[in-house]
Amino acid sequence: MISVLAIFIGCFFARKRKDNEEYISSSYWIYFVIVSLAGVTLGTWSFTGNTTSVPIFSRIIDMFNILEHAGLVELYGQLLITCALSNKYLIMTYKSKTTTRNIKEVKWAKSEIICLFLGVLLMLIGAFIESNAILG
């Protein structure tokens, strides 16, 4: 849930570079880092101890076994949360000008609420999968 907290904090900040662009939430960059770290970890086998490496194809196929591995479920949950919070920023930066808006000004669509709920639900399912895998 640390990753979700980072996404949640990142959603408060947004920036744009050109006048005709929309603001882009910082939570997208946080999600990109999370996915990159997951890819590096999967590709390099870096979180295991002194064991022989499983072939990369087997690792990729094994990732889809969601009854034993929660990584894919958690990445989808984080993506849904990122999408639901993508336009909820409060601090907006354009060039050197920073503006803020009140949290009461943030509007929620029904689809965003559903997306956020499903994302949190997937994160909880991922935690359940992990705890079952750890306990055996």
Foldseek 3Di string as FASTA:
>chain_A
DVLLVVLVVQLQEWEDEDPPDDTWTRSVVSLVVVVVVVVCCLVVVPPDDPDDDDDSVVSVVVCPVCLQALPVLLSQLSVLLNVLSGNQYAWYDYDHDIDGDDSVPDDHDPSSVVSNVSSVVSVVSSVVSHVVNVVD
